[in-house]
Amino acid sequence: EAERTAPPAIKKAYAAAREYIAEPSAKPFFTLVGNAGTGK
């Protein structure tokens, strides 16, 4: 639901998050940097 309603600017970050969730041990840190209000 969060991905469906997310602002366009963060859509690619959701794809990266899906990879992170699928294999969390590969690279355990996930850092999201961006302006306020972008959905981080």
All heavy atoms as atom14 arrays in JSON, in Angstrom:
{
  "sequence": "EAERTAPPAIKKAYAAAREYIAEPSAKPFFTLVGNAGTGK",
  "atom14_mask": [
    [1, 1, 1, 1, 1, 1, 1, 1, 1, 0, 0, 0, 0, 0],
    [1, 1, 1, 1, 1, 0, 0, 0, 0, 0, 0, 0, 0, 0],
    [1, 1, 1, 1, 1, 1, 1, 1, 1, 0, 0, 0, 0, 0],
    [1, 1, 1, 1, 1, 1, 1, 1, 1, 1, 1, 0, 0, 0],
    [1, 1, 1, 1, 1, 1, 1, 0, 0, 0, 0, 0, 0, 0],
    [1, 1, 1, 1, 1, 0, 0, 0, 0, 0, 0, 0, 0, 0],
    [1, 1, 1, 1, 1, 1, 1, 0, 0, 0, 0, 0, 0, 0],
    [1, 1, 1, 1, 1, 1, 1, 0, 0, 0, 0, 0, 0, 0],
    [1, 1, 1, 1, 1, 0, 0, 0, 0, 0, 0, 0, 0, 0],
    [1, 1, 1, 1, 1, 1, 1, 1, 0, 0, 0, 0, 0, 0],
    [1, 1, 1, 1, 1, 1, 1, 1, 1, 0, 0, 0, 0, 0],
    [1, 1, 1, 1, 1, 1, 1, 1, 1, 0, 0, 0, 0, 0],
    [1, 1, 1, 1, 1, 0, 0, 0, 0, 0, 0, 0, 0, 0],
    [1, 1, 1, 1, 1, 1, 1, 1, 1, 1, 1, 1, 0, 0],
    [1, 1, 1, 1, 1, 0, 0, 0, 0, 0, 0, 0, 0, 0],
    [1, 1, 1, 1, 1, 0, 0, 0, 0, 0, 0, 0, 0, 0],
    [1, 1, 1, 1, 1, 0, 0, 0, 0, 0, 0, 0, 0, 0],
    [1, 1, 1, 1, 1, 1, 1, 1, 1, 1, 1, 0, 0, 0],
    [1, 1, 1, 1, 1, 1, 1, 1, 1, 0, 0, 0, 0, 0],
    [1, 1, 1, 1, 1, 1, 1, 1, 1, 1, 1, 1, 0, 0],
    [1, 1, 1, 1, 1, 1, 1, 1, 0, 0, 0, 0, 0, 0],
    [1, 1, 1, 1, 1, 0, 0, 0, 0, 0, 0, 0, 0, 0],
    [1, 1, 1, 1, 1, 1, 1, 1, 1, 0, 0, 0, 0, 0],
    [1, 1, 1, 1, 1, 1, 1, 0, 0, 0, 0, 0, 0, 0],
    [1, 1, 1, 1, 1, 1, 0, 0, 0, 0, 0, 0, 0, 0],
    [1, 1, 1, 1, 1, 0, 0, 0, 0, 0, 0, 0, 0, 0],
    [1, 1, 1, 1, 1, 1, 1, 1, 1, 0, 0, 0, 0, 0],
    [1, 1, 1, 1, 1, 1, 1, 0, 0, 0, 0, 0, 0, 0],
    [1, 1, 1, 1, 1, 1, 1, 1, 1, 1, 1, 0, 0, 0],
    [1, 1, 1, 1, 1, 1, 1, 1, 1, 1, 1, 0, 0, 0],
    [1, 1, 1, 1, 1, 1, 1, 0, 0, 0, 0, 0, 0, 0],
    [1, 1, 1, 1, 1, 1, 1, 1, 0, 0, 0, 0, 0, 0],
    [1, 1, 1, 1, 1, 1, 1, 0, 0, 0, 0, 0, 0, 0],
    [1, 1, 1, 1, 0, 0, 0, 0, 0, 0, 0, 0, 0, 0],
    [1, 1, 1, 1, 1, 1, 1, 1, 0, 0, 0, 0, 0, 0],
    [1, 1, 1, 1, 1, 0, 0, 0, 0, 0, 0, 0, 0, 0],
    [1, 1, 1, 1, 0, 0, 0, 0, 0, 0, 0, 0, 0, 0],
    [1, 1, 1, 1, 1, 1, 1, 0, 0, 0, 0, 0, 0, 0],
    [1, 1, 1, 1, 0, 0, 0, 0, 0, 0, 0, 0, 0, 0],
    [1, 1, 1, 1, 1, 1, 1, 1, 1, 0, 0, 0, 0, 0]
  ],
  "atom14_positions": [
    [[0.83, -1.2, 0.0], [0.0, 0.0, 0.0], [0.87, 1.26, 0.0], [0.57, 2.24, -0.7], [-0.93, -0.01, 1.23], [-1.81, 1.22, 1.36], [-2.8, 1.38, 0.22], [-3.03, 0.4, -0.53], [-3.33, 2.49, 0.06], [0.0, 0.0, 0.0], [0.0, 0.0, 0.0], [0.0, 0.0, 0.0], [0.0, 0.0, 0.0], [0.0, 0.0, 0.0]],
    [[1.95, 1.23, 0.77], [2.86, 2.38, 0.81], [3.48, 2.61, -0.57], [3.6, 3.76, -1.02], [3.96, 2.15, 1.85], [0.0, 0.0, 0.0], [0.0, 0.0, 0.0], [0.0, 0.0, 0.0], [0.0, 0.0, 0.0], [0.0, 0.0, 0.0], [0.0, 0.0, 0.0], [0.0, 0.0, 0.0], [0.0, 0.0, 0.0], [0.0, 0.0, 0.0]],
    [[3.87, 1.53, -1.22], [4.46, 1.67, -2.55], [3.45, 2.21, -3.56], [3.78, 3.05, -4.41], [4.99, 0.31, -3.02], [5.71, 0.37, -4.36], [6.31, -0.96, -4.74], [5.78, -2.02, -4.33], [7.33, -0.96, -5.47], [0.0, 0.0, 0.0], [0.0, 0.0, 0.0], [0.0, 0.0, 0.0], [0.0, 0.0, 0.0], [0.0, 0.0, 0.0]],
    [[2.21, 1.76, -3.46], [1.17, 2.2, -4.39], [0.91, 3.69, -4.3], [0.65, 4.36, -5.31], [-0.13, 1.42, -4.11], [-1.24, 1.68, -5.12], [-2.52, 0.96, -4.72], [-3.11, 1.51, -3.51], [-3.83, 2.63, -3.49], [-4.06, 3.32, -4.6], [-4.34, 3.06, -2.35], [0.0, 0.0, 0.0], [0.0, 0.0, 0.0], [0.0, 0.0, 0.0]],
    [[0.99, 4.24, -3.09], [0.66, 5.66, -2.89], [1.9, 6.55, -2.77], [1.77, 7.73, -2.46], [-0.19, 5.81, -1.6], [0.54, 5.27, -0.48], [-1.51, 5.06, -1.74], [0.0, 0.0, 0.0], [0.0, 0.0, 0.0], [0.0, 0.0, 0.0], [0.0, 0.0, 0.0], [0.0, 0.0, 0.0], [0.0, 0.0, 0.0], [0.0, 0.0, 0.0]],
    [[3.07, 6.0, -3.02], [4.31, 6.75, -2.84], [4.49, 7.82, -3.91], [4.04, 7.66, -5.05], [5.5, 5.79, -2.87], [0.0, 0.0, 0.0], [0.0, 0.0, 0.0], [0.0, 0.0, 0.0], [0.0, 0.0, 0.0], [0.0, 0.0, 0.0], [0.0, 0.0, 0.0], [0.0, 0.0, 0.0], [0.0, 0.0, 0.0], [0.0, 0.0, 0.0]],
    [[5.16, 8.93, -3.56], [5.47, 9.96, -4.56], [6.36, 9.37, -5.66], [7.16, 8.46, -5.41], [6.24, 11.02, -3.76], [5.86, 10.79, -2.33], [5.64, 9.31, -2.22], [0.0, 0.0, 0.0], [0.0, 0.0, 0.0], [0.0, 0.0, 0.0], [0.0, 0.0, 0.0], [0.0, 0.0, 0.0], [0.0, 0.0, 0.0], [0.0, 0.0, 0.0]],
    [[6.24, 9.87, -6.88], [7.03, 9.32, -7.99], [8.53, 9.31, -7.74], [9.23, 8.4, -8.16], [6.66, 10.25, -9.16], [5.32, 10.79, -8.8], [5.31, 10.92, -7.32], [0.0, 0.0, 0.0], [0.0, 0.0, 0.0], [0.0, 0.0, 0.0], [0.0, 0.0, 0.0], [0.0, 0.0, 0.0], [0.0, 0.0, 0.0], [0.0, 0.0, 0.0]],
    [[9.02, 10.32, -7.03], [10.46, 10.45, -6.83], [11.07, 9.29, -6.05], [12.27, 9.02, -6.15], [10.78, 11.77, -6.11], [0.0, 0.0, 0.0], [0.0, 0.0, 0.0], [0.0, 0.0, 0.0], [0.0, 0.0, 0.0], [0.0, 0.0, 0.0], [0.0, 0.0, 0.0], [0.0, 0.0, 0.0], [0.0, 0.0, 0.0], [0.0, 0.0, 0.0]],
    [[10.25, 8.57, -5.28], [10.8, 7.52, -4.41], [10.48, 6.11, -4.92], [10.84, 5.12, -4.29], [10.27, 7.7, -2.97], [11.2, 7.01, -1.97], [8.84, 7.19, -2.83], [10.85, 7.29, -0.52], [0.0, 0.0, 0.0], [0.0, 0.0, 0.0], [0.0, 0.0, 0.0], [0.0, 0.0, 0.0], [0.0, 0.0, 0.0], [0.0, 0.0, 0.0]],
    [[9.84, 6.0, -6.08], [9.44, 4.7, -6.6], [10.63, 3.76, -6.77], [10.55, 2.56, -6.46], [8.72, 4.87, -7.94], [7.35, 5.53, -7.84], [6.33, 4.64, -7.13], [4.93, 5.23, -7.18], [3.92, 4.38, -6.5], [0.0, 0.0, 0.0], [0.0, 0.0, 0.0], [0.0, 0.0, 0.0], [0.0, 0.0, 0.0], [0.0, 0.0, 0.0]],
    [[11.75, 4.28, -7.28], [12.93, 3.43, -7.47], [13.49, 2.94, -6.14], [14.04, 1.84, -6.04], [13.99, 4.18, -8.26], [13.63, 4.41, -9.72], [14.78, 5.09, -10.48], [14.43, 5.28, -11.94], [15.54, 5.96, -12.68], [0.0, 0.0, 0.0], [0.0, 0.0, 0.0], [0.0, 0.0, 0.0], [0.0, 0.0, 0.0], [0.0, 0.0, 0.0]],
    [[13.33, 3.77, -5.11], [13.81, 3.37, -3.79], [13.0, 2.18, -3.26], [13.53, 1.34, -2.53], [13.74, 4.54, -2.82], [0.0, 0.0, 0.0], [0.0, 0.0, 0.0], [0.0, 0.0, 0.0], [0.0, 0.0, 0.0], [0.0, 0.0, 0.0], [0.0, 0.0, 0.0], [0.0, 0.0, 0.0], [0.0, 0.0, 0.0], [0.0, 0.0, 0.0]],
    [[11.72, 2.12, -3.62], [10.9, 0.97, -3.2], [11.41, -0.31, -3.86], [11.39, -1.39, -3.24], [9.43, 1.2, -3.55], [8.69, 1.93, -2.45], [8.66, 3.31, -2.41], [8.03, 1.22, -1.44], [7.99, 3.99, -1.38], [7.37, 1.89, -0.42], [7.35, 3.26, -0.4], [6.7, 3.92, 0.62], [0.0, 0.0, 0.0], [0.0, 0.0, 0.0]],
    [[11.83, -0.22, -5.1], [12.4, -1.39, -5.76], [13.66, -1.86, -5.05], [13.87, -3.07, -4.84], [12.7, -1.07, -7.23], [0.0, 0.0, 0.0], [0.0, 0.0, 0.0], [0.0, 0.0, 0.0], [0.0, 0.0, 0.0], [0.0, 0.0, 0.0], [0.0, 0.0, 0.0], [0.0, 0.0, 0.0], [0.0, 0.0, 0.0], [0.0, 0.0, 0.0]],
    [[14.49, -0.88, -4.63], [15.71, -1.23, -3.89], [15.35, -1.83, -2.53], [16.01, -2.77, -2.05], [16.57, 0.02, -3.7], [0.0, 0.0, 0.0], [0.0, 0.0, 0.0], [0.0, 0.0, 0.0], [0.0, 0.0, 0.0], [0.0, 0.0, 0.0], [0.0, 0.0, 0.0], [0.0, 0.0, 0.0], [0.0, 0.0, 0.0], [0.0, 0.0, 0.0]],
    [[14.29, -1.31, -1.91], [13.86, -1.84, -0.61], [13.35, -3.27, -0.74], [13.58, -4.1, 0.15], [12.78, -0.94, -0.02], [0.0, 0.0, 0.0], [0.0, 0.0, 0.0], [0.0, 0.0, 0.0], [0.0, 0.0, 0.0], [0.0, 0.0, 0.0], [0.0, 0.0, 0.0], [0.0, 0.0, 0.0], [0.0, 0.0, 0.0], [0.0, 0.0, 0.0]],
    [[12.68, -3.57, -1.83], [12.2, -4.95, -2.05], [13.39, -5.92, -2.12], [13.34, -7.03, -1.58], [11.37, -5.04, -3.34], [9.97, -4.52, -3.19], [9.09, -4.91, -4.37], [7.73, -4.43, -4.18], [6.8, -5.05, -3.48], [7.1, -6.19, -2.87], [5.58, -4.55, -3.37], [0.0, 0.0, 0.0], [0.0, 0.0, 0.0], [0.0, 0.0, 0.0]],
    [[14.45, -5.5, -2.78], [15.66, -6.34, -2.85], [16.26, -6.5, -1.46], [16.73, -7.58, -1.1], [16.67, -5.71, -3.81], [16.21, -5.68, -5.26], [17.23, -5.01, -6.17], [18.31, -4.61, -5.67], [16.96, -4.88, -7.38], [0.0, 0.0, 0.0], [0.0, 0.0, 0.0], [0.0, 0.0, 0.0], [0.0, 0.0, 0.0], [0.0, 0.0, 0.0]],
    [[16.25, -5.43, -0.7], [16.79, -5.45, 0.67], [15.98, -6.41, 1.54], [16.56, -7.2, 2.3], [16.73, -4.03, 1.23], [17.25, -3.87, 2.64], [18.6, -3.99, 2.92], [16.38, -3.58, 3.69], [19.08, -3.82, 4.22], [16.84, -3.4, 4.98], [18.2, -3.53, 5.24], [18.66, -3.37, 6.52], [0.0, 0.0, 0.0], [0.0, 0.0, 0.0]],
    [[14.66, -6.36, 1.41], [13.79, -7.24, 2.2], [13.99, -8.7, 1.79], [13.99, -9.6, 2.64], [12.32, -6.81, 2.04], [12.11, -5.42, 2.67], [11.36, -7.83, 2.65], [10.82, -4.74, 2.22], [0.0, 0.0, 0.0], [0.0, 0.0, 0.0], [0.0, 0.0, 0.0], [0.0, 0.0, 0.0], [0.0, 0.0, 0.0], [0.0, 0.0, 0.0]],
    [[14.15, -8.93, 0.5], [14.3, -10.29, 0.0], [15.61, -10.92, 0.47], [15.68, -12.13, 0.73], [14.24, -10.3, -1.53], [0.0, 0.0, 0.0], [0.0, 0.0, 0.0], [0.0, 0.0, 0.0], [0.0, 0.0, 0.0], [0.0, 0.0, 0.0], [0.0, 0.0, 0.0], [0.0, 0.0, 0.0], [0.0, 0.0, 0.0], [0.0, 0.0, 0.0]],
    [[16.65, -10.11, 0.59], [17.96, -10.63, 0.99], [18.62, -9.65, 1.96], [19.6, -8.98, 1.63], [18.84, -10.85, -0.24], [20.01, -11.76, 0.0], [20.77, -12.1, -1.28], [20.39, -11.61, -2.36], [21.75, -12.86, -1.18], [0.0, 0.0, 0.0], [0.0, 0.0, 0.0], [0.0, 0.0, 0.0], [0.0, 0.0, 0.0], [0.0, 0.0, 0.0]],
    [[18.09, -9.54, 3.18], [18.56, -8.51, 4.12], [20.0, -8.7, 4.58], [20.63, -7.72, 5.0], [17.58, -8.63, 5.29], [17.03, -10.01, 5.19], [16.98, -10.32, 3.73], [0.0, 0.0, 0.0], [0.0, 0.0, 0.0], [0.0, 0.0, 0.0], [0.0, 0.0, 0.0], [0.0, 0.0, 0.0], [0.0, 0.0, 0.0], [0.0, 0.0, 0.0]],
    [[20.52, -9.91, 4.53], [21.88, -10.14, 5.02], [22.95, -9.78, 4.01], [24.12, -9.67, 4.37], [22.04, -11.61, 5.44], [21.84, -12.47, 4.33], [0.0, 0.0, 0.0], [0.0, 0.0, 0.0], [0.0, 0.0, 0.0], [0.0, 0.0, 0.0], [0.0, 0.0, 0.0], [0.0, 0.0, 0.0], [0.0, 0.0, 0.0], [0.0, 0.0, 0.0]],
    [[22.58, -9.58, 2.75], [23.58, -9.3, 1.72], [24.32, -8.0, 2.02], [25.55, -7.96, 2.05], [22.93, -9.23, 0.35], [0.0, 0.0, 0.0], [0.0, 0.0, 0.0], [0.0, 0.0, 0.0], [0.0, 0.0, 0.0], [0.0, 0.0, 0.0], [0.0, 0.0, 0.0], [0.0, 0.0, 0.0], [0.0, 0.0, 0.0], [0.0, 0.0, 0.0]],
    [[23.55, -6.93, 2.23], [24.1, -5.65, 2.66], [23.15, -5.12, 3.72], [22.08, -4.59, 3.4], [24.22, -4.67, 1.49], [25.35, -5.0, 0.52], [25.55, -3.89, -0.49], [26.76, -4.17, -1.38], [26.99, -3.06, -2.35], [0.0, 0.0, 0.0], [0.0, 0.0, 0.0], [0.0, 0.0, 0.0], [0.0, 0.0, 0.0], [0.0, 0.0, 0.0]],
    [[23.49, -5.29, 5.0], [22.52, -5.02, 6.08], [22.15, -3.57, 6.31], [21.11, -3.29, 6.9], [23.22, -5.61, 7.3], [24.67, -5.61, 6.97], [24.74, -5.86, 5.5], [0.0, 0.0, 0.0], [0.0, 0.0, 0.0], [0.0, 0.0, 0.0], [0.0, 0.0, 0.0], [0.0, 0.0, 0.0], [0.0, 0.0, 0.0], [0.0, 0.0, 0.0]],
    [[22.98, -2.63, 5.88], [22.63, -1.21, 6.06], [21.88, -0.71, 4.82], [22.22, -1.05, 3.7], [23.89, -0.37, 6.28], [24.37, -0.35, 7.71], [24.71, -1.52, 8.36], [24.48, 0.84, 8.41], [25.14, -1.53, 9.67], [24.92, 0.87, 9.74], [25.26, -0.32, 10.36], [0.0, 0.0, 0.0], [0.0, 0.0, 0.0], [0.0, 0.0, 0.0]],
    [[20.86, 0.11, 5.06], [20.06, 0.68, 3.97], [19.85, 2.15, 4.3], [19.15, 2.49, 5.26], [18.73, -0.06, 3.86], [17.88, 0.33, 2.68], [18.44, 0.61, 1.45], [16.49, 0.41, 2.8], [17.66, 0.95, 0.35], [15.69, 0.75, 1.73], [16.28, 1.02, 0.49], [0.0, 0.0, 0.0], [0.0, 0.0, 0.0], [0.0, 0.0, 0.0]],
    [[20.5, 3.02, 3.55], [20.48, 4.45, 3.85], [19.71, 5.21, 2.78], [20.01, 5.1, 1.59], [21.92, 5.0, 3.94], [22.66, 4.24, 4.9], [21.91, 6.46, 4.36], [0.0, 0.0, 0.0], [0.0, 0.0, 0.0], [0.0, 0.0, 0.0], [0.0, 0.0, 0.0], [0.0, 0.0, 0.0], [0.0, 0.0, 0.0], [0.0, 0.0, 0.0]],
    [[18.7, 5.96, 3.22], [17.88, 6.76, 2.32], [18.14, 8.23, 2.59], [17.89, 8.73, 3.69], [16.4, 6.45, 2.55], [15.95, 5.01, 2.28], [14.6, 4.75, 2.91], [15.91, 4.75, 0.78], [0.0, 0.0, 0.0], [0.0, 0.0, 0.0], [0.0, 0.0, 0.0], [0.0, 0.0, 0.0], [0.0, 0.0, 0.0], [0.0, 0.0, 0.0]],
    [[18.64, 8.93, 1.6], [18.98, 10.35, 1.74], [18.17, 11.15, 0.72], [18.09, 10.77, -0.45], [20.49, 10.58, 1.5], [20.81, 12.06, 1.48], [21.31, 9.87, 2.57], [0.0, 0.0, 0.0], [0.0, 0.0, 0.0], [0.0, 0.0, 0.0], [0.0, 0.0, 0.0], [0.0, 0.0, 0.0], [0.0, 0.0, 0.0], [0.0, 0.0, 0.0]],
    [[17.56, 12.23, 1.17], [16.78, 13.05, 0.25], [16.08, 14.17, 0.97], [16.12, 14.28, 2.2], [0.0, 0.0, 0.0], [0.0, 0.0, 0.0], [0.0, 0.0, 0.0], [0.0, 0.0, 0.0], [0.0, 0.0, 0.0], [0.0, 0.0, 0.0], [0.0, 0.0, 0.0], [0.0, 0.0, 0.0], [0.0, 0.0, 0.0], [0.0, 0.0, 0.0]],
    [[15.41, 15.01, 0.2], [14.71, 16.16, 0.77], [13.55, 15.73, 1.66], [13.04, 14.61, 1.55], [14.17, 17.06, -0.36], [15.29, 17.69, -1.17], [16.37, 17.93, -0.65], [15.02, 17.96, -2.45], [0.0, 0.0, 0.0], [0.0, 0.0, 0.0], [0.0, 0.0, 0.0], [0.0, 0.0, 0.0], [0.0, 0.0, 0.0], [0.0, 0.0, 0.0]],
    [[13.11, 16.63, 2.51], [11.94, 16.38, 3.35], [10.71, 16.2, 2.47], [10.58, 16.82, 1.4], [11.73, 17.54, 4.32], [0.0, 0.0, 0.0], [0.0, 0.0, 0.0], [0.0, 0.0, 0.0], [0.0, 0.0, 0.0], [0.0, 0.0, 0.0], [0.0, 0.0, 0.0], [0.0, 0.0, 0.0], [0.0, 0.0, 0.0], [0.0, 0.0, 0.0]],
    [[9.79, 15.33, 2.89], [8.53, 15.17, 2.18], [8.59, 14.27, 0.97], [7.64, 14.22, 0.19], [0.0, 0.0, 0.0], [0.0, 0.0, 0.0], [0.0, 0.0, 0.0], [0.0, 0.0, 0.0], [0.0, 0.0, 0.0], [0.0, 0.0, 0.0], [0.0, 0.0, 0.0], [0.0, 0.0, 0.0], [0.0, 0.0, 0.0], [0.0, 0.0, 0.0]],
    [[9.68, 13.53, 0.8], [9.78, 12.63, -0.36], [9.34, 11.21, -0.04], [9.36, 10.34, -0.91], [11.22, 12.62, -0.91], [12.14, 12.37, 0.16], [11.57, 13.94, -1.56], [0.0, 0.0, 0.0], [0.0, 0.0, 0.0], [0.0, 0.0, 0.0], [0.0, 0.0, 0.0], [0.0, 0.0, 0.0], [0.0, 0.0, 0.0], [0.0, 0.0, 0.0]],
    [[8.96, 10.93, 1.2], [8.43, 9.62, 1.54], [9.41, 8.67, 2.18], [9.15, 7.46, 2.26], [0.0, 0.0, 0.0], [0.0, 0.0, 0.0], [0.0, 0.0, 0.0], [0.0, 0.0, 0.0], [0.0, 0.0, 0.0], [0.0, 0.0, 0.0], [0.0, 0.0, 0.0], [0.0, 0.0, 0.0], [0.0, 0.0, 0.0], [0.0, 0.0, 0.0]],
    [[10.53, 9.19, 2.68], [11.56, 8.32, 3.25], [11.07, 7.6, 4.51], [11.32, 6.41, 4.71], [12.82, 9.13, 3.59], [13.46, 9.85, 2.42], [14.75, 10.53, 2.8], [14.59, 11.56, 3.92], [13.69, 12.67, 3.54], [0.0, 0.0, 0.0], [0.0, 0.0, 0.0], [0.0, 0.0, 0.0], [0.0, 0.0, 0.0], [0.0, 0.0, 0.0]]
  ]
}
